[in-house]
Amino acid sequence: RRDDAFAANNNNDLSIVPCPKKATSGTPANCVSTASVKQLDLYAAPWTWPDGLSVDEVAARLKGSIATDSSLSLEEQLKNRFYRVRATRNFSLDEIDFLLNPNDRVVTFRSRQIEGPESVSDFGANRKRLEDIRKRAGIFDVMGADFDSADSGPREGTAAQLRAFWGFQSGGGYESILLDEDE
């Protein structure tokens, strides 16, 4: 099922896809994604890692962070770039997809509920779980955080989305996000 988590651009490079706008029941999706730049409530800024760390070292830190949580299990791995993790919580099953981009030193991700009651909010469980994984790994920063200061506003919001988007995109493919055909 890896194909539902990714989209390929003109260079056949993979990228994480956004969350659906609504769950099938019409309630907001229990999902958070770095690609949901048009949906503030479903957006999370990508992570970066320090220069000098290889993708193998970064992958090991990410896997180690996942392994320390008994509610998480690594389901799939592809060449130290893609990871699919299953997460259990109360009455549902969540799926987290991570994509490591070694050229830009960026981690993009999507965490979403795949089983369980759609009409019940996750009360931020997907977002909190991602933040816990990031902190346990000890090497990831939130992209755009260094641009923020007390005078420039919060780390979340439209400005943070734009900074993060332009920070991890080379510019190729921006039309598909900004000029969405279905709106």
Foldseek 3Di string as FASTA:
>chain_A
DVVVQWDAAPVRDTDGAFDDCADPVRHGFQKAWCRVLVDQVRYFFWKAFDPPDALVLLLVLLVVLQVVDPQKDWDDDDPSAWTWIWGDDDFFIKIKIWGADRVLRIITMMIGTDDDDRVDHPVCPRVVVVVSSQVSSPGIDGQPPVVDDPPPDDCGDNVVSVRRVVSPDPPGPVCCVVVPPVD
